[in-house]
Amino acid sequence: MAEYKDPENTILLELKGGTVVIELLPDVAPKHAERMKELARAGKYDNVAFHRVIDGFMAQTGDVEHANMESDYNPGRAGTGGSDLPDLPAEFSKVPHARGSLGAARSQNPNSANSQFFINFKDNDFLNGQYTVYGQVTSGMEHVDAIVRGEPPANPDRMISMKVAADV
C-alpha cells in the first residue's frame, strides 16, 4: 500500500493502463471534493465512459446517469446527465487549469456542476476562473494520456473503478 499525504482526499482512479492518483483540493473547492468522494464511495463512477476526449485539450467523464458502460449505457445521451444529488455552486479560485488538473464540467450555468469532470491534457489557461478546479493528478498521468480520443469515441475507455485512498 502506497503512502499518501492525505488519504481522505486522495482518489485512486483505475484505468485500463493502471492507477491514476488524484490529490483533491478540499481547501480550494470543498463541495466539489466532497461530491467526488461521495460518488466514489457509492461506486457511482465505476465503469463510466470517457464520453468526450479532445486531443491536446482534455478527457471528460463522470456522467453517472447515462455513461455507465455496464448499466443502461446510452452513448447518445452520455455527457448530458449527472447524479441524483443537487448541482454544486461554482468554487472558482486562482488555481490554474494546468496539465493533470481536474475541472468540474458544467452547462452554461456556472452553478450547474454535478458529477462530471475533466482532466486537462495540457495547461488550458483560458479555462481559469471559469470552471472549478478541485484536484490534481500526482501520478499515472501517462494512463490519462492513453485514453481513446473522440467526441464521442467510437469505443470509449472507462473508469474501471474510483476509490478514496483512505478506504483501500
Protein backbone atom coordinates (compact mmCIF):
# COMPACT_ATOMS: atom_id res chain seq x y z
CA MET A 1 0.00 0.00 0.00
CA ALA A 2 1.43 3.34 -1.05
CA GLU A 3 1.68 6.19 1.42
CA TYR A 4 -0.42 9.25 0.65
CA LYS A 5 -0.07 12.67 2.23
CA ASP A 6 -3.83 12.90 2.85
CA PRO A 7 -5.56 9.55 2.14
CA GLU A 8 -9.02 11.01 2.86
CA ASN A 9 -8.50 13.48 0.00
CA THR A 10 -6.68 11.17 -2.41
CA ILE A 11 -8.57 9.46 -5.23
CA LEU A 12 -7.36 6.23 -6.85
CA LEU A 13 -8.73 6.08 -10.38
CA GLU A 14 -8.23 2.73 -12.09
CA LEU A 15 -7.89 2.95 -15.89
CA LYS A 16 -7.03 0.23 -18.42
CA GLY A 17 -3.32 1.08 -18.22
CA GLY A 18 -3.06 1.42 -14.45
CA THR A 19 -3.81 3.63 -11.47
CA VAL A 20 -4.12 7.41 -11.62
CA VAL A 21 -3.58 9.11 -8.24
CA ILE A 22 -5.51 12.36 -7.80
CA GLU A 23 -4.98 14.73 -4.91
CA LEU A 24 -8.24 16.55 -4.17
CA LEU A 25 -8.16 20.21 -3.15
CA PRO A 26 -10.70 20.48 -0.30
CA ASP A 27 -9.25 23.83 0.83
CA VAL A 28 -9.90 25.26 -2.66
CA ALA A 29 -13.21 23.59 -3.63
CA PRO A 30 -14.65 21.76 -0.58
CA LYS A 31 -18.08 20.97 -2.07
CA HIS A 32 -16.62 19.52 -5.27
CA ALA A 33 -14.03 17.44 -3.40
CA GLU A 34 -16.72 16.11 -1.07
CA ARG A 35 -19.02 15.24 -4.02
CA MET A 36 -16.32 13.23 -5.77
CA LYS A 37 -15.62 11.25 -2.59
CA GLU A 38 -19.34 10.66 -2.00
CA LEU A 39 -19.92 9.35 -5.53
CA ALA A 40 -16.70 7.29 -5.50
CA ARG A 41 -17.65 5.67 -2.17
CA ALA A 42 -21.09 4.81 -3.60
CA GLY A 43 -19.43 3.16 -6.64
CA LYS A 44 -21.16 5.59 -9.00
CA TYR A 45 -18.03 6.31 -11.08
CA ASP A 46 -17.17 2.64 -11.68
CA ASN A 47 -17.49 1.65 -15.39
CA VAL A 48 -18.38 5.21 -16.51
CA ALA A 49 -17.19 6.08 -20.03
CA PHE A 50 -14.90 8.89 -21.09
CA HIS A 51 -17.53 10.36 -23.44
CA ARG A 52 -15.61 13.42 -24.70
CA VAL A 53 -11.86 13.23 -25.23
CA ILE A 54 -10.24 16.00 -27.25
CA ASP A 55 -6.59 15.58 -28.22
CA GLY A 56 -4.42 18.36 -26.82
CA PHE A 57 -7.25 19.54 -24.56
CA MET A 58 -8.91 17.23 -22.03
CA ALA A 59 -10.69 13.93 -21.23
CA GLN A 60 -14.23 14.25 -19.85
CA THR A 61 -16.15 11.62 -17.88
CA GLY A 62 -18.40 11.29 -14.86
CA ASP A 63 -21.91 11.08 -16.35
CA VAL A 64 -23.15 8.56 -13.78
CA GLU A 65 -26.67 8.71 -15.23
CA HIS A 66 -26.10 7.81 -18.91
CA ALA A 67 -22.49 6.65 -19.30
CA ASN A 68 -22.18 3.56 -17.08
CA MET A 69 -20.99 1.01 -19.62
CA GLU A 70 -22.30 -1.89 -17.51
CA SER A 71 -25.77 -0.48 -16.78
CA ASP A 72 -28.11 1.40 -19.13
CA TYR A 73 -25.24 2.84 -21.20
CA ASN A 74 -26.62 5.37 -23.66
CA PRO A 75 -23.86 6.74 -25.92
CA GLY A 76 -26.27 9.25 -27.46
CA ARG A 77 -27.01 10.78 -24.07
CA ALA A 78 -23.60 10.32 -22.44
CA GLY A 79 -22.46 13.71 -21.26
CA THR A 80 -25.96 15.05 -20.61
CA GLY A 81 -26.57 13.56 -17.17
CA GLY A 82 -25.43 13.79 -13.60
CA SER A 83 -26.12 12.20 -10.27
CA ASP A 84 -29.35 12.31 -8.28
CA LEU A 85 -27.69 14.84 -5.95
CA PRO A 86 -28.22 18.60 -6.31
CA ASP A 87 -25.96 20.66 -8.56
CA LEU A 88 -23.00 22.38 -6.94
CA PRO A 89 -22.25 26.10 -6.74
CA ALA A 90 -19.13 27.26 -8.56
CA GLU A 91 -15.99 27.30 -6.42
CA PHE A 92 -13.72 29.34 -8.67
CA SER A 93 -10.20 30.01 -7.46
CA LYS A 94 -6.77 31.14 -8.62
CA VAL A 95 -5.67 27.51 -9.09
CA PRO A 96 -4.86 27.19 -12.82
CA HIS A 97 -6.18 24.60 -15.25
CA ALA A 98 -2.72 23.06 -15.57
CA ARG A 99 -1.80 19.71 -17.09
CA GLY A 100 -3.32 16.98 -14.93
CA SER A 101 -5.73 19.26 -13.11
CA LEU A 102 -9.31 18.15 -12.51
CA GLY A 103 -12.05 20.53 -13.59
CA ALA A 104 -15.76 20.38 -12.90
CA ALA A 105 -17.77 20.00 -16.11
CA ARG A 106 -20.97 22.04 -16.25
CA SER A 107 -23.51 23.64 -18.56
CA GLN A 108 -23.53 27.38 -19.38
CA ASN A 109 -24.74 27.96 -15.81
CA PRO A 110 -21.64 28.28 -13.58
CA ASN A 111 -23.60 26.66 -10.71
CA SER A 112 -24.56 23.50 -12.63
CA ALA A 113 -21.64 21.15 -11.92
CA ASN A 114 -22.80 17.80 -10.57
CA SER A 115 -20.83 14.59 -11.22
CA GLN A 116 -18.99 15.17 -14.49
CA PHE A 117 -15.36 16.24 -14.56
CA PHE A 118 -12.45 16.54 -16.95
CA ILE A 119 -8.71 16.02 -16.70
CA ASN A 120 -6.60 18.51 -18.63
CA PHE A 121 -4.04 17.04 -21.06
CA LYS A 122 -2.13 20.34 -21.08
CA ASP A 123 -2.21 23.78 -19.48
CA ASN A 124 -5.56 25.29 -20.50
CA ASP A 125 -5.26 28.80 -19.08
CA PHE A 126 -8.31 30.03 -21.00
CA LEU A 127 -10.44 27.97 -18.55
CA ASN A 128 -9.01 29.72 -15.48
CA GLY A 129 -11.68 31.36 -13.34
CA GLN A 130 -14.46 29.82 -15.48
CA TYR A 131 -14.52 26.22 -14.24
CA THR A 132 -13.90 24.90 -10.74
CA VAL A 133 -10.53 23.18 -10.27
CA TYR A 134 -10.71 20.64 -7.45
CA GLY A 135 -7.93 18.12 -7.96
CA GLN A 136 -4.53 17.38 -9.45
CA VAL A 137 -3.12 14.15 -10.87
CA THR A 138 0.04 13.37 -8.89
CA SER A 139 0.94 10.11 -10.64
CA GLY A 140 -0.31 8.00 -13.52
CA MET A 141 -0.85 10.84 -16.00
CA GLU A 142 0.53 8.54 -18.71
CA HIS A 143 -2.64 6.44 -18.29
CA VAL A 144 -4.79 9.54 -18.81
CA ASP A 145 -2.74 10.41 -21.92
CA ALA A 146 -3.57 6.95 -23.33
CA ILE A 147 -7.39 7.41 -23.18
CA VAL A 148 -9.04 6.89 -26.58
CA ARG A 149 -9.92 10.19 -28.31
CA GLY A 150 -13.28 11.18 -29.78
CA GLU A 151 -16.45 13.24 -29.28
CA PRO A 152 -17.69 10.63 -28.51
CA PRO A 153 -15.04 7.95 -29.01
CA ALA A 154 -16.26 5.02 -31.14
CA ASN A 155 -15.08 2.58 -28.46
CA PRO A 156 -14.69 4.69 -25.33
CA ASP A 157 -12.39 3.93 -22.45
CA ARG A 158 -13.92 3.85 -19.00
CA MET A 159 -13.11 4.43 -15.38
CA ILE A 160 -12.77 0.84 -14.20
CA SER A 161 -13.08 1.99 -10.61
CA MET A 162 -12.64 5.03 -8.40
CA LYS A 163 -11.85 4.78 -4.71
CA VAL A 164 -10.86 7.08 -1.84
CA ALA A 165 -7.36 6.03 -0.71
CA ALA A 166 -8.44 6.09 2.97
CA ASP A 167 -10.88 3.24 2.19
CA VAL A 168 -8.41 0.93 0.46
